[in-house]
Amino acid sequence: MFWLLTLPFRIVFGLFFGLLALPFALLALPFALLALPFLLLRFVIKAAVAVVVLPFVFLALAIAAVVTIFAVSVSVFLPLLPFALIALCIWAIVRRPAYAPF
């Protein structure tokens, strides 16, 4: 509510000080244009570093995904291991060899 009450004053003072600062902004424009090549150089260096580093990041992500899948599968199947061992013992006792003479 306070923001709405002070809105007309903020608009008037914003326009007044904006017009007051306009000549200084126009004087500072050439200096901003002098900084443009450095900004472009910064962008080029960042892009080059990204091109060099990104394959390593993707490799690390792939390794992390494989390790995660392995860990989740072990954590899911490890509690089932005793049942699998019991089933293997029962299968070894019950099965009949194919070479039995009877």
PDB file of N, CA and C in Angstrom:
ATOM      1  N   MET A   1       0.829  -1.188   0.000  1.00  0.00           N
ATOM      2  CA  MET A   1       0.000   0.000   0.000  1.00  0.00           C
ATOM      3  C   MET A   1       0.873   1.252   0.000  1.00  0.00           C
ATOM      4  N   PHE A   2       1.964   1.223   0.795  1.00  0.00           N
ATOM      5  CA  PHE A   2       2.868   2.376   0.847  1.00  0.00           C
ATOM      6  C   PHE A   2       3.482   2.645  -0.518  1.00  0.00           C
ATOM      7  N   TRP A   3       3.767   1.549  -1.257  1.00  0.00           N
ATOM      8  CA  TRP A   3       4.340   1.699  -2.596  1.00  0.00           C
ATOM      9  C   TRP A   3       3.358   2.437  -3.515  1.00  0.00           C
ATOM     10  N   LEU A   4       2.093   2.099  -3.409  1.00  0.00           N
ATOM     11  CA  LEU A   4       1.094   2.768  -4.243  1.00  0.00           C
ATOM     12  C   LEU A   4       0.900   4.230  -3.833  1.00  0.00           C
ATOM     13  N   LEU A   5       1.001   4.508  -2.538  1.00  0.00           N
ATOM     14  CA  LEU A   5       0.842   5.890  -2.082  1.00  0.00           C
ATOM     15  C   LEU A   5       1.997   6.773  -2.545  1.00  0.00           C
ATOM     16  N   THR A   6       3.195   6.220  -2.587  1.00  0.00           N
ATOM     17  CA  THR A   6       4.364   7.027  -2.970  1.00  0.00           C
ATOM     18  C   THR A   6       4.659   6.966  -4.459  1.00  0.00           C
ATOM     19  N   LEU A   7       3.852   6.254  -5.232  1.00  0.00           N
ATOM     20  CA  LEU A   7       4.116   6.090  -6.662  1.00  0.00           C
ATOM     21  C   LEU A   7       4.162   7.414  -7.427  1.00  0.00           C
ATOM     22  N   PRO A   8       3.239   8.342  -7.252  1.00  0.00           N
ATOM     23  CA  PRO A   8       3.341   9.597  -8.015  1.00  0.00           C
ATOM     24  C   PRO A   8       4.627  10.372  -7.706  1.00  0.00           C
ATOM     25  N   PHE A   9       5.035  10.392  -6.436  1.00  0.00           N
ATOM     26  CA  PHE A   9       6.277  11.084  -6.081  1.00  0.00           C
ATOM     27  C   PHE A   9       7.485  10.387  -6.698  1.00  0.00           C
ATOM     28  N   ARG A  10       7.470   9.069  -6.695  1.00  0.00           N
ATOM     29  CA  ARG A  10       8.594   8.334  -7.272  1.00  0.00           C
ATOM     30  C   ARG A  10       8.673   8.556  -8.771  1.00  0.00           C
ATOM     31  N   ILE A  11       7.545   8.643  -9.448  1.00  0.00           N
ATOM     32  CA  ILE A  11       7.547   8.909 -10.890  1.00  0.00           C
ATOM     33  C   ILE A  11       8.101  10.305 -11.162  1.00  0.00           C
ATOM     34  N   VAL A  12       7.640  11.314 -10.414  1.00  0.00           N
ATOM     35  CA  VAL A  12       8.088  12.693 -10.643  1.00  0.00           C
ATOM     36  C   VAL A  12       9.575  12.826 -10.350  1.00  0.00           C
ATOM     37  N   PHE A  13      10.019  12.324  -9.205  1.00  0.00           N
ATOM     38  CA  PHE A  13      11.432  12.437  -8.866  1.00  0.00           C
ATOM     39  C   PHE A  13      12.299  11.592  -9.793  1.00  0.00           C
ATOM     40  N   GLY A  14      11.792  10.440 -10.237  1.00  0.00           N
ATOM     41  CA  GLY A  14      12.548   9.617 -11.181  1.00  0.00           C
ATOM     42  C   GLY A  14      12.747  10.327 -12.502  1.00  0.00           C
ATOM     43  N   LEU A  15      11.694  10.945 -13.026  1.00  0.00           N
ATOM     44  CA  LEU A  15      11.825  11.702 -14.277  1.00  0.00           C
ATOM     45  C   LEU A  15      12.737  12.916 -14.111  1.00  0.00           C
ATOM     46  N   PHE A  16      12.599  13.617 -12.984  1.00  0.00           N
ATOM     47  CA  PHE A  16      13.418  14.816 -12.749  1.00  0.00           C
ATOM     48  C   PHE A  16      14.904  14.459 -12.680  1.00  0.00           C
ATOM     49  N   PHE A  17      15.248  13.478 -11.864  1.00  0.00           N
ATOM     50  CA  PHE A  17      16.659  13.112 -11.729  1.00  0.00           C
ATOM     51  C   PHE A  17      17.172  12.368 -12.969  1.00  0.00           C
ATOM     52  N   GLY A  18      16.285  11.694 -13.682  1.00  0.00           N
ATOM     53  CA  GLY A  18      16.692  11.084 -14.948  1.00  0.00           C
ATOM     54  C   GLY A  18      17.061  12.127 -15.969  1.00  0.00           C
ATOM     55  N   LEU A  19      16.246  13.174 -16.087  1.00  0.00           N
ATOM     56  CA  LEU A  19      16.584  14.270 -17.005  1.00  0.00           C
ATOM     57  C   LEU A  19      17.818  15.026 -16.542  1.00  0.00           C
ATOM     58  N   LEU A  20      17.993  15.135 -15.236  1.00  0.00           N
ATOM     59  CA  LEU A  20      19.170  15.794 -14.697  1.00  0.00           C
ATOM     60  C   LEU A  20      20.443  15.001 -14.984  1.00  0.00           C
ATOM     61  N   ALA A  21      20.366  13.673 -14.994  1.00  0.00           N
ATOM     62  CA  ALA A  21      21.528  12.822 -15.227  1.00  0.00           C
ATOM     63  C   ALA A  21      21.772  12.546 -16.700  1.00  0.00           C
ATOM     64  N   LEU A  22      20.874  12.938 -17.583  1.00  0.00           N
ATOM     65  CA  LEU A  22      21.011  12.641 -19.004  1.00  0.00           C
ATOM     66  C   LEU A  22      22.281  13.219 -19.623  1.00  0.00           C
ATOM     67  N   PRO A  23      22.665  14.469 -19.354  1.00  0.00           N
ATOM     68  CA  PRO A  23      23.917  14.963 -19.952  1.00  0.00           C
ATOM     69  C   PRO A  23      25.145  14.168 -19.497  1.00  0.00           C
ATOM     70  N   PHE A  24      25.163  13.760 -18.242  1.00  0.00           N
ATOM     71  CA  PHE A  24      26.293  12.963 -17.754  1.00  0.00           C
ATOM     72  C   PHE A  24      26.328  11.587 -18.424  1.00  0.00           C
ATOM     73  N   ALA A  25      25.168  11.024 -18.665  1.00  0.00           N
ATOM     74  CA  ALA A  25      25.112   9.732 -19.348  1.00  0.00           C
ATOM     75  C   ALA A  25      25.595   9.868 -20.791  1.00  0.00           C
ATOM     76  N   LEU A  26      25.234  10.975 -21.432  1.00  0.00           N
ATOM     77  CA  LEU A  26      25.698  11.186 -22.811  1.00  0.00           C
ATOM     78  C   LEU A  26      27.210  11.428 -22.852  1.00  0.00           C
ATOM     79  N   LEU A  27      27.754  12.081 -21.825  1.00  0.00           N
ATOM     80  CA  LEU A  27      29.196  12.274 -21.761  1.00  0.00           C
ATOM     81  C   LEU A  27      29.929  10.963 -21.474  1.00  0.00           C
ATOM     82  N   ALA A  28      29.313  10.045 -20.754  1.00  0.00           N
ATOM     83  CA  ALA A  28      29.939   8.780 -20.409  1.00  0.00           C
ATOM     84  C   ALA A  28      29.825   7.740 -21.514  1.00  0.00           C
ATOM     85  N   LEU A  29      29.031   8.005 -22.547  1.00  0.00           N
ATOM     86  CA  LEU A  29      28.820   7.036 -23.612  1.00  0.00           C
ATOM     87  C   LEU A  29      30.103   6.668 -24.355  1.00  0.00           C
ATOM     88  N   PRO A  30      30.997   7.637 -24.702  1.00  0.00           N
ATOM     89  CA  PRO A  30      32.237   7.229 -25.382  1.00  0.00           C
ATOM     90  C   PRO A  30      33.108   6.314 -24.520  1.00  0.00           C
ATOM     91  N   PHE A  31      33.121   6.544 -23.217  1.00  0.00           N
ATOM     92  CA  PHE A  31      33.899   5.672 -22.346  1.00  0.00           C
ATOM     93  C   PHE A  31      33.306   4.263 -22.298  1.00  0.00           C
ATOM     94  N   ALA A  32      31.998   4.166 -22.395  1.00  0.00           N
ATOM     95  CA  ALA A  32      31.362   2.851 -22.449  1.00  0.00           C
ATOM     96  C   ALA A  32      31.713   2.152 -23.754  1.00  0.00           C
ATOM     97  N   LEU A  33      31.818   2.924 -24.836  1.00  0.00           N
ATOM     98  CA  LEU A  33      32.213   2.325 -26.114  1.00  0.00           C
ATOM     99  C   LEU A  33      33.671   1.880 -26.087  1.00  0.00           C
ATOM    100  N   LEU A  34      34.504   2.529 -25.283  1.00  0.00           N
ATOM    101  CA  LEU A  34      35.891   2.085 -25.141  1.00  0.00           C
ATOM    102  C   LEU A  34      35.967   0.741 -24.419  1.00  0.00           C
ATOM    103  N   ALA A  35      35.007   0.458 -23.569  1.00  0.00           N
ATOM    104  CA  ALA A  35      35.006  -0.800 -22.831  1.00  0.00           C
ATOM    105  C   ALA A  35      34.464  -1.962 -23.658  1.00  0.00           C
ATOM    106  N   LEU A  36      33.830  -1.676 -24.788  1.00  0.00           N
ATOM    107  CA  LEU A  36      33.212  -2.727 -25.596  1.00  0.00           C
ATOM    108  C   LEU A  36      34.205  -3.780 -26.085  1.00  0.00           C
ATOM    109  N   PRO A  37      35.396  -3.426 -26.593  1.00  0.00           N
ATOM    110  CA  PRO A  37      36.327  -4.487 -27.017  1.00  0.00           C
ATOM    111  C   PRO A  37      36.738  -5.409 -25.870  1.00  0.00           C
ATOM    112  N   PHE A  38      36.873  -4.845 -24.679  1.00  0.00           N
ATOM    113  CA  PHE A  38      37.244  -5.684 -23.541  1.00  0.00           C
ATOM    114  C   PHE A  38      36.113  -6.638 -23.167  1.00  0.00           C
ATOM    115  N   LEU A  39      34.891  -6.181 -23.304  1.00  0.00           N
ATOM    116  CA  LEU A  39      33.758  -7.071 -23.055  1.00  0.00           C
ATOM    117  C   LEU A  39      33.703  -8.195 -24.092  1.00  0.00           C
ATOM    118  N   LEU A  40      33.990  -7.868 -25.348  1.00  0.00           N
ATOM    119  CA  LEU A  40      34.022  -8.889 -26.388  1.00  0.00           C
ATOM    120  C   LEU A  40      35.157  -9.881 -26.146  1.00  0.00           C
ATOM    121  N   LEU A  41      36.316  -9.374 -25.716  1.00  0.00           N
ATOM    122  CA  LEU A  41      37.440 -10.248 -25.408  1.00  0.00           C
ATOM    123  C   LEU A  41      37.101 -11.182 -24.243  1.00  0.00           C
ATOM    124  N   ARG A  42      36.416 -10.650 -23.259  1.00  0.00           N
ATOM    125  CA  ARG A  42      35.975 -11.471 -22.131  1.00  0.00           C
ATOM    126  C   ARG A  42      35.048 -12.587 -22.602  1.00  0.00           C
ATOM    127  N   PHE A  43      34.130 -12.249 -23.507  1.00  0.00           N
ATOM    128  CA  PHE A  43      33.216 -13.257 -24.033  1.00  0.00           C
ATOM    129  C   PHE A  43      33.970 -14.333 -24.805  1.00  0.00           C
ATOM    130  N   VAL A  44      34.951 -13.943 -25.612  1.00  0.00           N
ATOM    131  CA  VAL A  44      35.718 -14.901 -26.413  1.00  0.00           C
ATOM    132  C   VAL A  44      36.518 -15.828 -25.499  1.00  0.00           C
ATOM    133  N   ILE A  45      37.135 -15.276 -24.472  1.00  0.00           N
ATOM    134  CA  ILE A  45      37.917 -16.110 -23.550  1.00  0.00           C
ATOM    135  C   ILE A  45      37.006 -17.080 -22.799  1.00  0.00           C
ATOM    136  N   LYS A  46      35.859 -16.609 -22.345  1.00  0.00           N
ATOM    137  CA  LYS A  46      34.919 -17.492 -21.653  1.00  0.00           C
ATOM    138  C   LYS A  46      34.422 -18.602 -22.583  1.00  0.00           C
ATOM    139  N   ALA A  47      34.157 -18.272 -23.841  1.00  0.00           N
ATOM    140  CA  ALA A  47      33.700 -19.285 -24.790  1.00  0.00           C
ATOM    141  C   ALA A  47      34.795 -20.313 -25.052  1.00  0.00           C
ATOM    142  N   ALA A  48      36.037 -19.867 -25.179  1.00  0.00           N
ATOM    143  CA  ALA A  48      37.140 -20.793 -25.412  1.00  0.00           C
ATOM    144  C   ALA A  48      37.341 -21.723 -24.216  1.00  0.00           C
ATOM    145  N   VAL A  49      37.262 -21.185 -23.025  1.00  0.00           N
ATOM    146  CA  VAL A  49      37.391 -22.017 -21.828  1.00  0.00           C
ATOM    147  C   VAL A  49      36.237 -23.010 -21.746  1.00  0.00           C
ATOM    148  N   ALA A  50      35.046 -22.565 -22.088  1.00  0.00           N
ATOM    149  CA  ALA A  50      33.887 -23.466 -22.068  1.00  0.00           C
ATOM    150  C   ALA A  50      34.052 -24.598 -23.077  1.00  0.00           C
ATOM    151  N   VAL A  51      34.587 -24.288 -24.271  1.00  0.00           N
ATOM    152  CA  VAL A  51      34.781 -25.318 -25.291  1.00  0.00           C
ATOM    153  C   VAL A  51      35.811 -26.337 -24.819  1.00  0.00           C
ATOM    154  N   VAL A  52      36.826 -25.899 -24.083  1.00  0.00           N
ATOM    155  CA  VAL A  52      37.852 -26.814 -23.596  1.00  0.00           C
ATOM    156  C   VAL A  52      37.335 -27.632 -22.411  1.00  0.00           C
ATOM    157  N   VAL A  53      36.591 -27.006 -21.507  1.00  0.00           N
ATOM    158  CA  VAL A  53      36.202 -27.661 -20.256  1.00  0.00           C
ATOM    159  C   VAL A  53      34.945 -28.511 -20.421  1.00  0.00           C
ATOM    160  N   LEU A  54      34.050 -28.147 -21.314  1.00  0.00           N
ATOM    161  CA  LEU A  54      32.764 -28.831 -21.430  1.00  0.00           C
ATOM    162  C   LEU A  54      32.870 -30.330 -21.706  1.00  0.00           C
ATOM    163  N   PRO A  55      33.786 -30.810 -22.560  1.00  0.00           N
ATOM    164  CA  PRO A  55      33.880 -32.273 -22.728  1.00  0.00           C
ATOM    165  C   PRO A  55      34.213 -33.006 -21.428  1.00  0.00           C
ATOM    166  N   PHE A  56      35.068 -32.416 -20.600  1.00  0.00           N
ATOM    167  CA  PHE A  56      35.393 -33.043 -19.321  1.00  0.00           C
ATOM    168  C   PHE A  56      34.180 -33.057 -18.391  1.00  0.00           C
ATOM    169  N   VAL A  57      33.392 -32.016 -18.456  1.00  0.00           N
ATOM    170  CA  VAL A  57      32.177 -31.969 -17.640  1.00  0.00           C
ATOM    171  C   VAL A  57      31.201 -33.050 -18.081  1.00  0.00           C
ATOM    172  N   PHE A  58      31.032 -33.206 -19.392  1.00  0.00           N
ATOM    173  CA  PHE A  58      30.129 -34.238 -19.892  1.00  0.00           C
ATOM    174  C   PHE A  58      30.643 -35.636 -19.555  1.00  0.00           C
ATOM    175  N   LEU A  59      31.965 -35.831 -19.612  1.00  0.00           N
ATOM    176  CA  LEU A  59      32.540 -37.119 -19.229  1.00  0.00           C
ATOM    177  C   LEU A  59      32.293 -37.406 -17.754  1.00  0.00           C
ATOM    178  N   ALA A  60      32.466 -36.402 -16.916  1.00  0.00           N
ATOM    179  CA  ALA A  60      32.207 -36.580 -15.483  1.00  0.00           C
ATOM    180  C   ALA A  60      30.739 -36.885 -15.238  1.00  0.00           C
ATOM    181  N   LEU A  61      29.845 -36.233 -15.980  1.00  0.00           N
ATOM    182  CA  LEU A  61      28.415 -36.521 -15.823  1.00  0.00           C
ATOM    183  C   LEU A  61      28.086 -37.949 -16.244  1.00  0.00           C
ATOM    184  N   ALA A  62      28.713 -38.421 -17.320  1.00  0.00           N
ATOM    185  CA  ALA A  62      28.464 -39.791 -17.774  1.00  0.00           C
ATOM    186  C   ALA A  62      28.970 -40.795 -16.746  1.00  0.00           C
ATOM    187  N   ILE A  63      30.170 -40.562 -16.209  1.00  0.00           N
ATOM    188  CA  ILE A  63      30.710 -41.458 -15.189  1.00  0.00           C
ATOM    189  C   ILE A  63      29.815 -41.445 -13.946  1.00  0.00           C
ATOM    190  N   ALA A  64      29.362 -40.267 -13.550  1.00  0.00           N
ATOM    191  CA  ALA A  64      28.482 -40.166 -12.383  1.00  0.00           C
ATOM    192  C   ALA A  64      27.172 -40.902 -12.624  1.00  0.00           C
ATOM    193  N   ALA A  65      26.639 -40.836 -13.839  1.00  0.00           N
ATOM    194  CA  ALA A  65      25.392 -41.546 -14.139  1.00  0.00           C
ATOM    195  C   ALA A  65      25.591 -43.053 -14.064  1.00  0.00           C
ATOM    196  N   VAL A  66      26.729 -43.547 -14.584  1.00  0.00           N
ATOM    197  CA  VAL A  66      26.995 -44.989 -14.531  1.00  0.00           C
ATOM    198  C   VAL A  66      27.160 -45.449 -13.088  1.00  0.00           C
ATOM    199  N   VAL A  67      27.906 -44.684 -12.301  1.00  0.00           N
ATOM    200  CA  VAL A  67      28.103 -45.046 -10.892  1.00  0.00           C
ATOM    201  C   VAL A  67      26.774 -45.015 -10.144  1.00  0.00           C
ATOM    202  N   THR A  68      25.941 -44.034 -10.442  1.00  0.00           N
ATOM    203  CA  THR A  68      24.644 -43.939  -9.781  1.00  0.00           C
ATOM    204  C   THR A  68      23.751 -45.125 -10.127  1.00  0.00           C
ATOM    205  N   ILE A  69      23.720 -45.492 -11.394  1.00  0.00           N
ATOM    206  CA  ILE A  69      22.901 -46.634 -11.811  1.00  0.00           C
ATOM    207  C   ILE A  69      23.398 -47.913 -11.147  1.00  0.00           C
ATOM    208  N   PHE A  70      24.726 -48.083 -11.084  1.00  0.00           N
ATOM    209  CA  PHE A  70      25.292 -49.261 -10.425  1.00  0.00           C
ATOM    210  C   PHE A  70      24.931 -49.282  -8.940  1.00  0.00           C
ATOM    211  N   ALA A  71      25.048 -48.139  -8.267  1.00  0.00           N
ATOM    212  CA  ALA A  71      24.758 -48.077  -6.832  1.00  0.00           C
ATOM    213  C   ALA A  71      23.289 -48.354  -6.554  1.00  0.00           C
ATOM    214  N   VAL A  72      22.411 -47.816  -7.380  1.00  0.00           N
ATOM    215  CA  VAL A  72      20.973 -48.047  -7.169  1.00  0.00           C
ATOM    216  C   VAL A  72      20.629 -49.511  -7.419  1.00  0.00           C
ATOM    217  N   SER A  73      21.207 -50.106  -8.462  1.00  0.00           N
ATOM    218  CA  SER A  73      20.906 -51.514  -8.739  1.00  0.00           C
ATOM    219  C   SER A  73      21.443 -52.416  -7.635  1.00  0.00           C
ATOM    220  N   VAL A  74      22.633 -52.119  -7.097  1.00  0.00           N
ATOM    221  CA  VAL A  74      23.160 -52.919  -5.991  1.00  0.00           C
ATOM    222  C   VAL A  74      22.280 -52.764  -4.754  1.00  0.00           C
ATOM    223  N   SER A  75      21.857 -51.545  -4.482  1.00  0.00           N
ATOM    224  CA  SER A  75      21.029 -51.334  -3.292  1.00  0.00           C
ATOM    225  C   SER A  75      19.654 -51.978  -3.430  1.00  0.00           C
ATOM    226  N   VAL A  76      19.175 -52.168  -4.652  1.00  0.00           N
ATOM    227  CA  VAL A  76      17.878 -52.823  -4.841  1.00  0.00           C
ATOM    228  C   VAL A  76      18.030 -54.344  -4.777  1.00  0.00           C
ATOM    229  N   PHE A  77      19.094 -54.897  -5.405  1.00  0.00           N
ATOM    230  CA  PHE A  77      19.218 -56.346  -5.501  1.00  0.00           C
ATOM    231  C   PHE A  77      19.951 -56.987  -4.329  1.00  0.00           C
ATOM    232  N   LEU A  78      20.669 -56.231  -3.524  1.00  0.00           N
ATOM    233  CA  LEU A  78      21.399 -56.815  -2.399  1.00  0.00           C
ATOM    234  C   LEU A  78      20.475 -57.453  -1.355  1.00  0.00           C
ATOM    235  N   PRO A  79      19.338 -56.851  -1.013  1.00  0.00           N
ATOM    236  CA  PRO A  79      18.437 -57.544  -0.068  1.00  0.00           C
ATOM    237  C   PRO A  79      17.836 -58.824  -0.636  1.00  0.00           C
ATOM    238  N   LEU A  80      17.810 -58.976  -1.953  1.00  0.00           N
ATOM    239  CA  LEU A  80      17.247 -60.182  -2.566  1.00  0.00           C
ATOM    240  C   LEU A  80      18.270 -61.308  -2.678  1.00  0.00           C
ATOM    241  N   LEU A  81      19.524 -61.042  -2.349  1.00  0.00           N
ATOM    242  CA  LEU A  81      20.586 -62.034  -2.488  1.00  0.00           C
ATOM    243  C   LEU A  81      20.367 -63.287  -1.629  1.00  0.00           C
ATOM    244  N   PRO A  82      19.920 -63.199  -0.384  1.00  0.00           N
ATOM    245  CA  PRO A  82      19.661 -64.447   0.378  1.00  0.00           C
ATOM    246  C   PRO A  82      18.588 -65.326  -0.265  1.00  0.00           C
ATOM    247  N   PHE A  83      17.551 -64.714  -0.807  1.00  0.00           N
ATOM    248  CA  PHE A  83      16.513 -65.494  -1.479  1.00  0.00           C
ATOM    249  C   PHE A  83      17.062 -66.167  -2.738  1.00  0.00           C
ATOM    250  N   ALA A  84      17.912 -65.465  -3.457  1.00  0.00           N
ATOM    251  CA  ALA A  84      18.521 -66.059  -4.644  1.00  0.00           C
ATOM    252  C   ALA A  84      19.433 -67.216  -4.260  1.00  0.00           C
ATOM    253  N   LEU A  85      20.145 -67.108  -3.154  1.00  0.00           N
ATOM    254  CA  LEU A  85      21.018 -68.198  -2.693  1.00  0.00           C
ATOM    255  C   LEU A  85      20.194 -69.418  -2.283  1.00  0.00           C
ATOM    256  N   ILE A  86      19.089 -69.194  -1.601  1.00  0.00           N
ATOM    257  CA  ILE A  86      18.204 -70.306  -1.221  1.00  0.00           C
ATOM    258  C   ILE A  86      17.623 -70.963  -2.469  1.00  0.00           C
ATOM    259  N   ALA A  87      17.210 -70.151  -3.442  1.00  0.00           N
ATOM    260  CA  ALA A  87      16.667 -70.701  -4.686  1.00  0.00           C
ATOM    261  C   ALA A  87      17.726 -71.492  -5.437  1.00  0.00           C
ATOM    262  N   LEU A  88      18.983 -71.044  -5.421  1.00  0.00           N
ATOM    263  CA  LEU A  88      20.068 -71.762  -6.088  1.00  0.00           C
ATOM    264  C   LEU A  88      20.322 -73.107  -5.417  1.00  0.00           C
ATOM    265  N   CYS A  89      20.280 -73.139  -4.083  1.00  0.00           N
ATOM    266  CA  CYS A  89      20.476 -74.401  -3.362  1.00  0.00           C
ATOM    267  C   CYS A  89      19.346 -75.384  -3.660  1.00  0.00           C
ATOM    268  N   ILE A  90      18.114 -74.904  -3.643  1.00  0.00           N
ATOM    269  CA  ILE A  90      16.974 -75.776  -3.944  1.00  0.00           C
ATOM    270  C   ILE A  90      17.058 -76.272  -5.377  1.00  0.00           C
ATOM    271  N   TRP A  91      17.436 -75.429  -6.314  1.00  0.00           N
ATOM    272  CA  TRP A  91      17.556 -75.837  -7.715  1.00  0.00           C
ATOM    273  C   TRP A  91      18.661 -76.882  -7.878  1.00  0.00           C
ATOM    274  N   ALA A  92      19.785 -76.710  -7.145  1.00  0.00           N
ATOM    275  CA  ALA A  92      20.888 -77.672  -7.252  1.00  0.00           C
ATOM    276  C   ALA A  92      20.493 -79.027  -6.678  1.00  0.00           C
ATOM    277  N   ILE A  93      19.659 -79.048  -5.661  1.00  0.00           N
ATOM    278  CA  ILE A  93      19.235 -80.320  -5.059  1.00  0.00           C
ATOM    279  C   ILE A  93      18.186 -80.998  -5.926  1.00  0.00           C
ATOM    280  N   VAL A  94      17.248 -80.249  -6.469  1.00  0.00           N
ATOM    281  CA  VAL A  94      16.106 -80.822  -7.175  1.00  0.00           C
ATOM    282  C   VAL A  94      16.436 -81.212  -8.611  1.00  0.00           C
ATOM    283  N   ARG A  95      17.329 -80.554  -9.253  1.00  0.00           N
ATOM    284  CA  ARG A  95      17.561 -80.808 -10.683  1.00  0.00           C
ATOM    285  C   ARG A  95      18.130 -82.207 -10.903  1.00  0.00           C
ATOM    286  N   ARG A  96      17.805 -82.746 -12.041  1.00  0.00           N
ATOM    287  CA  ARG A  96      18.300 -84.059 -12.394  1.00  0.00           C
ATOM    288  C   ARG A  96      19.361 -83.915 -13.470  1.00  0.00           C
ATOM    289  N   PRO A  97      20.453 -84.578 -13.340  1.00  0.00           N
ATOM    290  CA  PRO A  97      21.475 -84.481 -14.386  1.00  0.00           C
ATOM    291  C   PRO A  97      20.982 -85.127 -15.679  1.00  0.00           C
ATOM    292  N   ALA A  98      21.428 -84.593 -16.789  1.00  0.00           N
ATOM    293  CA  ALA A  98      21.003 -85.095 -18.099  1.00  0.00           C
ATOM    294  C   ALA A  98      21.656 -86.434 -18.434  1.00  0.00           C
ATOM    295  N   TYR A  99      22.748 -86.789 -17.795  1.00  0.00           N
ATOM    296  CA  TYR A  99      23.463 -88.012 -18.111  1.00  0.00           C
ATOM    297  C   TYR A  99      23.097 -89.175 -17.186  1.00  0.00           C
ATOM    298  N   ALA A 100      22.063 -89.066 -16.393  1.00  0.00           N
ATOM    299  CA  ALA A 100      21.722 -90.120 -15.440  1.00  0.00           C
ATOM    300  C   ALA A 100      21.274 -91.359 -16.199  1.00  0.00           C
ATOM    301  N   PRO A 101      21.727 -92.532 -15.760  1.00  0.00           N
ATOM    302  CA  PRO A 101      21.373 -93.758 -16.492  1.00  0.00           C
ATOM    303  C   PRO A 101      19.913 -94.200 -16.264  1.00  0.00           C
ATOM    304  N   PHE A 102      19.225 -93.693 -15.290  1.00  0.00           N
ATOM    305  CA  PHE A 102      17.843 -94.167 -15.049  1.00  0.00           C
ATOM    306  C   PHE A 102      16.819 -93.196 -15.510  1.00  0.00           C
TER     307      PHE A 102
END
